[in-house]
Amino acid sequence: MHGGPGADHRYFEGFEDSLPLNGIEFYYYDQLDSTNSEKPDDPALWTIQRYTDEVEAVRKGLGLDDFYLLGHSWGGLLAIEYALKYQQHLRGLVNSNMAASADCFVKQVSKLRSQFPDDVRAKLELYENANKTDDPAFQKLLLERLYKIFICRLDPWPDPVLRSLGGWNQHVYKVLQGRSEFEATGRMKGWNRWNDLPKIKVRTLTMGGIKAGCSLARSFDLRFSASSRSRKIFARYIFGMLRLASLTRNRFASDRFRSCDEWMFEVNFRQAGLNEVAGARRTESCG
C-alpha cells in the first residue's frame, strides 16, 4: 500500500524486477482518488476508516486470504488499522517507515527540520505563517531539503519515483495530513495506536531507513517496560522512502542500493499477546 496520502503505486515498480523472480506473487493498487483509481473528488470519503475498509474490499475482490500486507508511510498507518480490524485474513504484516501515532511522525520530521540551516528554517516559517505552503518556493524547499535527502537520495530520481510523486493528489494529502510533512492538522490529527499494538497477533516486520551521517538512529527508540506479566516494545522509527521504492525497472536490488543502512526488526506478536523482538539485524551496506 502506497504512501501519501494521495500518492500512487508507481514507486513500487522496482518490486517487479525481484519478487516474481523469487516466486512471489504481489499486488499493488492506487487508493481512492489516486492516479488509476476512481476519482469522485469527495472529501467526505477521505477518512482513515474508509481507506482501511478499501483495503478489505480489494482483498475480497482479489480473493486473497492468509497473505502478507505491506504498507509504506501513510500506507503503514493503514496497515496497522487493517491488522487491528481484519487480521484474521493476514499471514503477516510489513510496516515500512511509519510510526504508530501521528504525533510521533511529526516529531521525527521536526527533528529533520532542526538540521536545516537557519536561513532555510526561517524561510519555511515565513511561508507557513503567511499560510502560503502552496507557494512553489516553499514546495521547492521541501523537495531540496527534505525529499531529496530523506526520501530518495538517488540523483537523478528514478523514473517510477518521479511519475509517482508527479501524480500526487495534494487535495487528498491536505485533507488527511495537513499543509506539509511538518504537521498533522488534517484527519490524521490525534491518530495514535501505540497502546493497541499488542492486539496485533500476526508476525510483523517494521523497517526504517537511516541516512549516513545523521543521528537518525535515535528514531529507532526501543523502549522496554518489563513486569512479571507483560513486556511492551515501542519501536519508533523515521519516515523515509522504502528503499525498494527507489529501484528502477530492469535492475536488481543489489544494483541500486547504495550508501544506506537498514534496520529491520521482526516483531512476533504470537506469544500470549506479548510483543517480542524475534530478531534484529543491521546491514552496513545494502549494496
C-alpha atoms as a PDB file:
ATOM      1  CA  MET A   1       0.000   0.000   0.000  1.00  0.00           C
ATOM      2  CA  HIS A   2       1.444   3.296  -1.119  1.00  0.00           C
ATOM      3  CA  GLY A   3       2.043   6.414   0.889  1.00  0.00           C
ATOM      4  CA  GLY A   4       0.966   9.995   0.517  1.00  0.00           C
ATOM      5  CA  PRO A   5      -1.762  10.334   1.389  1.00  0.00           C
ATOM      6  CA  GLY A   6      -2.684  10.826  -2.257  1.00  0.00           C
ATOM      7  CA  ALA A   7       0.381   9.304  -3.947  1.00  0.00           C
ATOM      8  CA  ASP A   8       0.145   6.099  -6.013  1.00  0.00           C
ATOM      9  CA  HIS A   9       1.621   2.637  -6.546  1.00  0.00           C
ATOM     10  CA  ARG A  10       4.233   3.528  -9.164  1.00  0.00           C
ATOM     11  CA  TYR A  11       7.216   3.959  -6.852  1.00  0.00           C
ATOM     12  CA  PHE A  12       6.796   0.261  -6.002  1.00  0.00           C
ATOM     13  CA  GLU A  13       7.552  -0.802  -9.592  1.00  0.00           C
ATOM     14  CA  GLY A  14      11.031  -1.902  -8.563  1.00  0.00           C
ATOM     15  CA  PHE A  15       9.441  -4.933  -6.922  1.00  0.00           C
ATOM     16  CA  GLU A  16       8.648  -6.232 -10.409  1.00  0.00           C
ATOM     17  CA  ASP A  17      12.331  -6.948 -11.041  1.00  0.00           C
ATOM     18  CA  SER A  18      12.909  -9.101  -7.996  1.00  0.00           C
ATOM     19  CA  LEU A  19       9.851 -10.573  -6.320  1.00  0.00           C
ATOM     20  CA  PRO A  20       8.416 -12.529  -9.289  1.00  0.00           C
ATOM     21  CA  LEU A  21      11.854 -13.997  -9.996  1.00  0.00           C
ATOM     22  CA  ASN A  22      11.747 -15.424  -6.487  1.00  0.00           C
ATOM     23  CA  GLY A  23       8.326 -16.934  -6.951  1.00  0.00           C
ATOM     24  CA  ILE A  24       6.485 -14.212  -5.040  1.00  0.00           C
ATOM     25  CA  GLU A  25       3.134 -13.027  -6.368  1.00  0.00           C
ATOM     26  CA  PHE A  26       2.216  -9.494  -5.329  1.00  0.00           C
ATOM     27  CA  TYR A  27      -0.431  -6.880  -5.958  1.00  0.00           C
ATOM     28  CA  TYR A  28      -0.456  -3.135  -5.631  1.00  0.00           C
ATOM     29  CA  TYR A  29      -3.253  -0.665  -6.230  1.00  0.00           C
ATOM     30  CA  ASP A  30      -3.985   3.038  -6.231  1.00  0.00           C
ATOM     31  CA  GLN A  31      -6.157   4.237  -3.388  1.00  0.00           C
ATOM     32  CA  LEU A  32      -9.338   6.214  -3.964  1.00  0.00           C
ATOM     33  CA  ASP A  33      -8.738   9.459  -5.911  1.00  0.00           C
ATOM     34  CA  SER A  34      -5.163   8.438  -6.796  1.00  0.00           C
ATOM     35  CA  THR A  35      -3.965   8.068 -10.433  1.00  0.00           C
ATOM     36  CA  ASN A  36      -5.639   4.874 -11.720  1.00  0.00           C
ATOM     37  CA  SER A  37      -8.412   4.762  -9.133  1.00  0.00           C
ATOM     38  CA  GLU A  38     -11.864   6.263  -9.397  1.00  0.00           C
ATOM     39  CA  LYS A  39     -11.916   9.979  -8.646  1.00  0.00           C
ATOM     40  CA  PRO A  40     -15.208  11.071  -7.096  1.00  0.00           C
ATOM     41  CA  ASP A  41     -13.286  14.009  -5.571  1.00  0.00           C
ATOM     42  CA  ASP A  42     -15.455  13.874  -2.470  1.00  0.00           C
ATOM     43  CA  PRO A  43     -13.526  14.834   0.695  1.00  0.00           C
ATOM     44  CA  ALA A  44     -16.214  13.174   2.808  1.00  0.00           C
ATOM     45  CA  LEU A  45     -14.798   9.831   1.598  1.00  0.00           C
ATOM     46  CA  TRP A  46     -11.231  10.634   2.606  1.00  0.00           C
ATOM     47  CA  THR A  47     -11.156   9.138   6.079  1.00  0.00           C
ATOM     48  CA  ILE A  48      -8.870   6.611   7.748  1.00  0.00           C
ATOM     49  CA  GLN A  49     -11.827   4.262   8.231  1.00  0.00           C
ATOM     50  CA  ARG A  50     -12.859   4.492   4.561  1.00  0.00           C
ATOM     51  CA  TYR A  51      -9.353   3.777   3.291  1.00  0.00           C
ATOM     52  CA  THR A  52      -8.982   0.881   5.739  1.00  0.00           C
ATOM     53  CA  ASP A  53     -12.200  -0.687   4.515  1.00  0.00           C
ATOM     54  CA  GLU A  54     -10.995  -0.112   0.960  1.00  0.00           C
ATOM     55  CA  VAL A  55      -8.082  -2.486   1.664  1.00  0.00           C
ATOM     56  CA  GLU A  56     -10.576  -5.149   2.716  1.00  0.00           C
ATOM     57  CA  ALA A  57     -12.628  -4.529  -0.428  1.00  0.00           C
ATOM     58  CA  VAL A  58      -9.517  -5.041  -2.556  1.00  0.00           C
ATOM     59  CA  ARG A  59      -8.692  -8.249  -0.652  1.00  0.00           C
ATOM     60  CA  LYS A  60     -12.161  -9.609  -1.283  1.00  0.00           C
ATOM     61  CA  GLY A  61     -12.006  -8.623  -4.935  1.00  0.00           C
ATOM     62  CA  LEU A  62      -8.728 -10.487  -5.395  1.00  0.00           C
ATOM     63  CA  GLY A  63      -9.864 -13.444  -3.334  1.00  0.00           C
ATOM     64  CA  LEU A  64      -6.838 -13.252  -1.050  1.00  0.00           C
ATOM     65  CA  ASP A  65      -6.508 -14.914   2.327  1.00  0.00           C
ATOM     66  CA  ASP A  66      -3.572 -15.798   4.564  1.00  0.00           C
ATOM     67  CA  PHE A  67      -1.468 -13.138   2.814  1.00  0.00           C
ATOM     68  CA  TYR A  68       1.245 -10.632   3.698  1.00  0.00           C
ATOM     69  CA  LEU A  69       0.348  -6.956   3.732  1.00  0.00           C
ATOM     70  CA  LEU A  70       2.965  -4.226   3.226  1.00  0.00           C
ATOM     71  CA  GLY A  71       2.249  -0.563   3.930  1.00  0.00           C
ATOM     72  CA  HIS A  72       4.685   2.304   3.439  1.00  0.00           C
ATOM     73  CA  SER A  73       4.381   5.662   5.250  1.00  0.00           C
ATOM     74  CA  TRP A  74       0.659   6.564   5.093  1.00  0.00           C
ATOM     75  CA  GLY A  75       0.198   3.012   3.826  1.00  0.00           C
ATOM     76  CA  GLY A  76       1.859   1.848   7.048  1.00  0.00           C
ATOM     77  CA  LEU A  77      -0.823   3.648   9.030  1.00  0.00           C
ATOM     78  CA  LEU A  78      -3.446   1.798   7.005  1.00  0.00           C
ATOM     79  CA  ALA A  79      -1.600  -1.483   7.528  1.00  0.00           C
ATOM     80  CA  ILE A  80      -1.845  -1.025  11.295  1.00  0.00           C
ATOM     81  CA  GLU A  81      -5.524  -0.151  11.038  1.00  0.00           C
ATOM     82  CA  TYR A  82      -6.218  -3.111   8.780  1.00  0.00           C
ATOM     83  CA  ALA A  83      -4.395  -5.527  11.081  1.00  0.00           C
ATOM     84  CA  LEU A  84      -6.394  -4.311  14.058  1.00  0.00           C
ATOM     85  CA  LYS A  85      -9.712  -4.821  12.256  1.00  0.00           C
ATOM     86  CA  TYR A  86      -9.148  -7.651   9.779  1.00  0.00           C
ATOM     87  CA  GLN A  87      -6.069  -9.540  10.914  1.00  0.00           C
ATOM     88  CA  GLN A  88      -7.844 -12.898  10.616  1.00  0.00           C
ATOM     89  CA  HIS A  89      -7.015 -12.686   6.908  1.00  0.00           C
ATOM     90  CA  LEU A  90      -3.298 -11.958   7.388  1.00  0.00           C
ATOM     91  CA  ARG A  91      -0.318 -14.266   7.484  1.00  0.00           C
ATOM     92  CA  GLY A  92       2.000 -11.367   8.278  1.00  0.00           C
ATOM     93  CA  LEU A  93       2.383  -7.591   8.270  1.00  0.00           C
ATOM     94  CA  VAL A  94       5.166  -5.343   6.946  1.00  0.00           C
ATOM     95  CA  ASN A  95       5.176  -1.759   8.226  1.00  0.00           C
ATOM     96  CA  SER A  96       7.666   0.427   6.402  1.00  0.00           C
ATOM     97  CA  ASN A  97       8.608   3.871   7.662  1.00  0.00           C
ATOM     98  CA  MET A  98       5.602   4.768   9.761  1.00  0.00           C
ATOM     99  CA  ALA A  99       5.257   5.228  13.480  1.00  0.00           C
ATOM    100  CA  ALA A 100       2.176   4.230  15.448  1.00  0.00           C
ATOM    101  CA  SER A 101       0.971   7.789  16.021  1.00  0.00           C
ATOM    102  CA  ALA A 102       0.713  10.977  14.004  1.00  0.00           C
ATOM    103  CA  ASP A 103       2.421  12.975  16.763  1.00  0.00           C
ATOM    104  CA  CYS A 104       5.415  10.652  16.744  1.00  0.00           C
ATOM    105  CA  PHE A 105       5.678  11.028  12.968  1.00  0.00           C
ATOM    106  CA  VAL A 106       5.601  14.838  13.193  1.00  0.00           C
ATOM    107  CA  LYS A 107       8.184  14.848  15.990  1.00  0.00           C
ATOM    108  CA  GLN A 108      10.592  12.790  13.901  1.00  0.00           C
ATOM    109  CA  VAL A 109      10.169  15.001  10.827  1.00  0.00           C
ATOM    110  CA  SER A 110      10.635  18.050  13.062  1.00  0.00           C
ATOM    111  CA  LYS A 111      13.985  16.610  14.147  1.00  0.00           C
ATOM    112  CA  LEU A 112      14.988  16.519  10.499  1.00  0.00           C
ATOM    113  CA  ARG A 113      13.856  20.109  10.112  1.00  0.00           C
ATOM    114  CA  SER A 114      16.030  21.159  13.044  1.00  0.00           C
ATOM    115  CA  GLN A 115      19.050  20.066  10.993  1.00  0.00           C
ATOM    116  CA  PHE A 116      18.268  22.565   8.232  1.00  0.00           C
ATOM    117  CA  PRO A 117      20.363  25.756   8.030  1.00  0.00           C
ATOM    118  CA  ASP A 118      18.960  28.734   9.917  1.00  0.00           C
ATOM    119  CA  ASP A 119      18.039  30.611   6.744  1.00  0.00           C
ATOM    120  CA  VAL A 120      16.108  27.635   5.373  1.00  0.00           C
ATOM    121  CA  ARG A 121      14.140  27.232   8.596  1.00  0.00           C
ATOM    122  CA  ALA A 122      13.384  30.956   8.568  1.00  0.00           C
ATOM    123  CA  LYS A 123      12.059  30.761   5.009  1.00  0.00           C
ATOM    124  CA  LEU A 124       9.847  27.796   5.864  1.00  0.00           C
ATOM    125  CA  GLU A 125       8.394  29.661   8.840  1.00  0.00           C
ATOM    126  CA  LEU A 126       7.792  32.733   6.668  1.00  0.00           C
ATOM    127  CA  TYR A 127       5.653  30.791   4.218  1.00  0.00           C
ATOM    128  CA  GLU A 128       3.886  28.847   6.975  1.00  0.00           C
ATOM    129  CA  ASN A 129       2.998  31.971   8.954  1.00  0.00           C
ATOM    130  CA  ALA A 130       1.618  33.551   5.783  1.00  0.00           C
ATOM    131  CA  ASN A 131      -0.314  30.332   5.033  1.00  0.00           C
ATOM    132  CA  LYS A 132       1.454  30.095   1.671  1.00  0.00           C
ATOM    133  CA  THR A 133       2.617  26.488   1.787  1.00  0.00           C
ATOM    134  CA  ASP A 134       1.284  26.060  -1.759  1.00  0.00           C
ATOM    135  CA  ASP A 135       3.839  28.569  -2.995  1.00  0.00           C
ATOM    136  CA  PRO A 136       6.271  26.918  -5.465  1.00  0.00           C
ATOM    137  CA  ALA A 137       9.185  28.347  -3.478  1.00  0.00           C
ATOM    138  CA  PHE A 138       8.009  26.540  -0.324  1.00  0.00           C
ATOM    139  CA  GLN A 139       7.500  23.313  -2.264  1.00  0.00           C
ATOM    140  CA  LYS A 140      10.987  23.656  -3.744  1.00  0.00           C
ATOM    141  CA  LEU A 141      12.451  23.963  -0.248  1.00  0.00           C
ATOM    142  CA  LEU A 142      10.662  20.745   0.743  1.00  0.00           C
ATOM    143  CA  LEU A 143      11.966  18.993  -2.344  1.00  0.00           C
ATOM    144  CA  GLU A 144      15.573  20.093  -1.984  1.00  0.00           C
ATOM    145  CA  ARG A 145      15.933  19.991   1.789  1.00  0.00           C
ATOM    146  CA  LEU A 146      13.629  17.129   2.813  1.00  0.00           C
ATOM    147  CA  TYR A 147      12.533  14.876  -0.012  1.00  0.00           C
ATOM    148  CA  LYS A 148      15.891  14.647  -1.815  1.00  0.00           C
ATOM    149  CA  ILE A 149      17.715  13.903   1.430  1.00  0.00           C
ATOM    150  CA  PHE A 150      15.355  11.799   3.492  1.00  0.00           C
ATOM    151  CA  ILE A 151      13.020  10.249   0.900  1.00  0.00           C
ATOM    152  CA  CYS A 152      15.205   9.341  -2.056  1.00  0.00           C
ATOM    153  CA  ARG A 153      18.898  10.247  -2.322  1.00  0.00           C
ATOM    154  CA  LEU A 154      19.479   8.918  -5.829  1.00  0.00           C
ATOM    155  CA  ASP A 155      20.384  11.624  -8.328  1.00  0.00           C
ATOM    156  CA  PRO A 156      18.560  11.781 -10.640  1.00  0.00           C
ATOM    157  CA  TRP A 157      15.453  10.293  -9.138  1.00  0.00           C
ATOM    158  CA  PRO A 158      14.330   7.004 -10.742  1.00  0.00           C
ATOM    159  CA  ASP A 159      11.520   7.345 -13.245  1.00  0.00           C
ATOM    160  CA  PRO A 160       8.964   5.427 -11.103  1.00  0.00           C
ATOM    161  CA  VAL A 161       9.522   7.836  -8.205  1.00  0.00           C
ATOM    162  CA  LEU A 162       9.218  10.888 -10.464  1.00  0.00           C
ATOM    163  CA  ARG A 163       5.998   9.624 -12.003  1.00  0.00           C
ATOM    164  CA  SER A 164       4.507   8.656  -8.668  1.00  0.00           C
ATOM    165  CA  LEU A 165       5.236  11.919  -6.879  1.00  0.00           C
ATOM    166  CA  GLY A 166       4.371  13.874 -10.014  1.00  0.00           C
ATOM    167  CA  GLY A 167       0.837  12.499  -9.786  1.00  0.00           C
ATOM    168  CA  TRP A 168       0.467  13.149  -6.051  1.00  0.00           C
ATOM    169  CA  ASN A 169      -3.078  14.297  -5.260  1.00  0.00           C
ATOM    170  CA  GLN A 170      -2.395  17.222  -2.964  1.00  0.00           C
ATOM    171  CA  HIS A 171      -6.074  17.747  -2.184  1.00  0.00           C
ATOM    172  CA  VAL A 172      -6.277  14.302  -0.579  1.00  0.00           C
ATOM    173  CA  TYR A 173      -2.974  14.947   1.178  1.00  0.00           C
ATOM    174  CA  LYS A 174      -4.103  18.208   2.747  1.00  0.00           C
ATOM    175  CA  VAL A 175      -7.419  16.827   3.974  1.00  0.00           C
ATOM    176  CA  LEU A 176      -5.752  13.890   5.699  1.00  0.00           C
ATOM    177  CA  GLN A 177      -2.264  15.156   6.611  1.00  0.00           C
ATOM    178  CA  GLY A 178      -2.289  18.936   6.520  1.00  0.00           C
ATOM    179  CA  ARG A 179      -0.242  21.596   4.775  1.00  0.00           C
ATOM    180  CA  SER A 180       3.082  19.744   4.824  1.00  0.00           C
ATOM    181  CA  GLU A 181       5.101  16.928   6.376  1.00  0.00           C
ATOM    182  CA  PHE A 182       5.845  19.160   9.366  1.00  0.00           C
ATOM    183  CA  GLU A 183       2.352  19.000  10.792  1.00  0.00           C
ATOM    184  CA  ALA A 184      -0.646  16.707  11.162  1.00  0.00           C
ATOM    185  CA  THR A 185      -3.599  19.061  11.199  1.00  0.00           C
ATOM    186  CA  GLY A 186      -5.903  17.066   8.941  1.00  0.00           C
ATOM    187  CA  ARG A 187      -7.880  13.945   9.728  1.00  0.00           C
ATOM    188  CA  MET A 188      -4.714  12.168  10.804  1.00  0.00           C
ATOM    189  CA  LYS A 189      -4.503  14.539  13.760  1.00  0.00           C
ATOM    190  CA  GLY A 190      -4.651  12.640  17.028  1.00  0.00           C
ATOM    191  CA  TRP A 191      -4.237   9.224  15.404  1.00  0.00           C
ATOM    192  CA  ASN A 192      -2.461   7.018  17.936  1.00  0.00           C
ATOM    193  CA  ARG A 193      -2.234   3.222  18.031  1.00  0.00           C
ATOM    194  CA  TRP A 194       0.716   2.629  20.370  1.00  0.00           C
ATOM    195  CA  ASN A 195      -1.472   1.119  23.069  1.00  0.00           C
ATOM    196  CA  ASP A 196      -3.263  -1.085  20.539  1.00  0.00           C
ATOM    197  CA  LEU A 197      -0.166  -2.717  19.047  1.00  0.00           C
ATOM    198  CA  PRO A 198      -0.305  -5.716  21.429  1.00  0.00           C
ATOM    199  CA  LYS A 199      -3.639  -6.616  19.828  1.00  0.00           C
ATOM    200  CA  ILE A 200      -1.835  -7.437  16.597  1.00  0.00           C
ATOM    201  CA  LYS A 201      -1.056 -11.136  16.819  1.00  0.00           C
ATOM    202  CA  VAL A 202       0.437 -11.828  13.387  1.00  0.00           C
ATOM    203  CA  ARG A 203       4.184 -11.703  12.799  1.00  0.00           C
ATOM    204  CA  THR A 204       5.156  -8.164  11.869  1.00  0.00           C
ATOM    205  CA  LEU A 205       8.261  -6.689  10.258  1.00  0.00           C
ATOM    206  CA  THR A 206       8.959  -2.984  10.763  1.00  0.00           C
ATOM    207  CA  MET A 207      11.505  -1.191   8.595  1.00  0.00           C
ATOM    208  CA  GLY A 208      13.085   2.251   8.529  1.00  0.00           C
ATOM    209  CA  GLY A 209      15.990   3.833   6.700  1.00  0.00           C
ATOM    210  CA  ILE A 210      18.853   5.732   8.305  1.00  0.00           C
ATOM    211  CA  LYS A 211      20.777   8.381   6.379  1.00  0.00           C
ATOM    212  CA  ALA A 212      24.502   8.010   6.999  1.00  0.00           C
ATOM    213  CA  GLY A 213      25.991  10.882   8.996  1.00  0.00           C
ATOM    214  CA  CYS A 214      22.760  11.847  10.750  1.00  0.00           C
ATOM    215  CA  SER A 215      21.694  10.924  14.246  1.00  0.00           C
ATOM    216  CA  LEU A 216      18.508   9.306  12.961  1.00  0.00           C
ATOM    217  CA  ALA A 217      19.263   6.073  14.783  1.00  0.00           C
ATOM    218  CA  ARG A 218      17.573   7.688  17.774  1.00  0.00           C
ATOM    219  CA  SER A 219      14.329   7.253  15.869  1.00  0.00           C
ATOM    220  CA  PHE A 220      14.672   3.521  16.476  1.00  0.00           C
ATOM    221  CA  ASP A 221      13.989   4.012  20.164  1.00  0.00           C
ATOM    222  CA  LEU A 222      13.217   0.562  21.521  1.00  0.00           C
ATOM    223  CA  ARG A 223      11.821   1.016  24.977  1.00  0.00           C
ATOM    224  CA  PHE A 224      11.253  -1.934  27.208  1.00  0.00           C
ATOM    225  CA  SER A 225       8.880  -1.954  30.150  1.00  0.00           C
ATOM    226  CA  ALA A 226       9.169  -5.291  31.919  1.00  0.00           C
ATOM    227  CA  SER A 227       6.926  -6.769  34.537  1.00  0.00           C
ATOM    228  CA  SER A 228       6.046 -10.261  35.710  1.00  0.00           C
ATOM    229  CA  ARG A 229       3.058 -10.325  33.369  1.00  0.00           C
ATOM    230  CA  SER A 230       3.899  -8.352  30.281  1.00  0.00           C
ATOM    231  CA  ARG A 231       6.527  -6.633  28.229  1.00  0.00           C
ATOM    232  CA  LYS A 232       5.790  -3.973  25.704  1.00  0.00           C
ATOM    233  CA  ILE A 233       8.014  -2.857  22.895  1.00  0.00           C
ATOM    234  CA  PHE A 234       7.685   0.555  21.398  1.00  0.00           C
ATOM    235  CA  ALA A 235       9.596   0.879  18.120  1.00  0.00           C
ATOM    236  CA  ARG A 236       9.906   4.437  16.913  1.00  0.00           C
ATOM    237  CA  TYR A 237      11.419   4.965  13.544  1.00  0.00           C
ATOM    238  CA  ILE A 238      11.819   7.706  10.956  1.00  0.00           C
ATOM    239  CA  PHE A 239       9.848   8.499   7.889  1.00  0.00           C
ATOM    240  CA  GLY A 240      11.776   7.665   4.750  1.00  0.00           C
ATOM    241  CA  MET A 241      11.193   6.054   1.444  1.00  0.00           C
ATOM    242  CA  LEU A 242      11.168   2.291   1.405  1.00  0.00           C
ATOM    243  CA  ARG A 243      14.499   1.560  -0.235  1.00  0.00           C
ATOM    244  CA  LEU A 244      12.988  -0.845  -2.748  1.00  0.00           C
ATOM    245  CA  ALA A 245      10.870   2.045  -3.942  1.00  0.00           C
ATOM    246  CA  SER A 246      13.988   3.649  -5.415  1.00  0.00           C
ATOM    247  CA  LEU A 247      14.682   0.749  -7.757  1.00  0.00           C
ATOM    248  CA  THR A 248      14.467   1.408 -11.470  1.00  0.00           C
ATOM    249  CA  ARG A 249      12.959  -1.187 -13.720  1.00  0.00           C
ATOM    250  CA  ASN A 250      15.132  -3.921 -15.187  1.00  0.00           C
ATOM    251  CA  ARG A 251      17.571  -3.642 -12.298  1.00  0.00           C
ATOM    252  CA  PHE A 252      18.041  -5.926  -9.339  1.00  0.00           C
ATOM    253  CA  ALA A 253      18.043  -4.603  -5.801  1.00  0.00           C
ATOM    254  CA  SER A 254      21.777  -5.202  -5.410  1.00  0.00           C
ATOM    255  CA  ASP A 255      22.452  -2.858  -8.326  1.00  0.00           C
ATOM    256  CA  ARG A 256      20.573   0.064  -6.847  1.00  0.00           C
ATOM    257  CA  PHE A 257      21.127   0.061  -3.094  1.00  0.00           C
ATOM    258  CA  ARG A 258      23.963   2.400  -2.239  1.00  0.00           C
ATOM    259  CA  SER A 259      25.137   4.287   0.856  1.00  0.00           C
ATOM    260  CA  CYS A 260      22.245   3.366   3.066  1.00  0.00           C
ATOM    261  CA  ASP A 261      21.762   1.491   6.289  1.00  0.00           C
ATOM    262  CA  GLU A 262      18.727  -0.587   7.007  1.00  0.00           C
ATOM    263  CA  TRP A 263      17.425  -1.570  10.402  1.00  0.00           C
ATOM    264  CA  MET A 264      14.873  -4.322  10.427  1.00  0.00           C
ATOM    265  CA  PHE A 265      13.006  -5.556  13.428  1.00  0.00           C
ATOM    266  CA  GLU A 266      10.914  -8.678  13.252  1.00  0.00           C
ATOM    267  CA  VAL A 267       8.242  -8.480  15.866  1.00  0.00           C
ATOM    268  CA  ASN A 268       6.434 -11.594  16.937  1.00  0.00           C
ATOM    269  CA  PHE A 269       3.017 -10.895  18.443  1.00  0.00           C
ATOM    270  CA  ARG A 270       2.056 -14.536  18.858  1.00  0.00           C
ATOM    271  CA  GLN A 271       3.108 -15.267  22.414  1.00  0.00           C
ATOM    272  CA  ALA A 272       0.132 -14.661  24.687  1.00  0.00           C
ATOM    273  CA  GLY A 273      -0.388 -11.175  23.309  1.00  0.00           C
ATOM    274  CA  LEU A 274       3.098 -10.027  24.303  1.00  0.00           C
ATOM    275  CA  ASN A 275       5.376  -8.108  21.963  1.00  0.00           C
ATOM    276  CA  GLU A 276       8.603  -9.997  21.472  1.00  0.00           C
ATOM    277  CA  VAL A 277      11.516  -8.974  19.299  1.00  0.00           C
ATOM    278  CA  ALA A 278      12.204 -12.192  17.429  1.00  0.00           C
ATOM    279  CA  GLY A 279      15.273 -10.864  15.717  1.00  0.00           C
ATOM    280  CA  ALA A 280      17.045  -7.745  14.516  1.00  0.00           C
ATOM    281  CA  ARG A 281      19.857  -7.184  12.161  1.00  0.00           C
ATOM    282  CA  ARG A 282      21.730  -4.324  10.578  1.00  0.00           C
ATOM    283  CA  THR A 283      23.322  -4.421   7.182  1.00  0.00           C
ATOM    284  CA  GLU A 284      26.189  -1.965   6.909  1.00  0.00           C
ATOM    285  CA  SER A 285      25.794  -1.620   3.150  1.00  0.00           C
ATOM    286  CA  CYS A 286      22.609  -2.524   1.346  1.00  0.00           C
ATOM    287  CA  GLY A 287      24.635  -2.850  -1.861  1.00  0.00           C
END
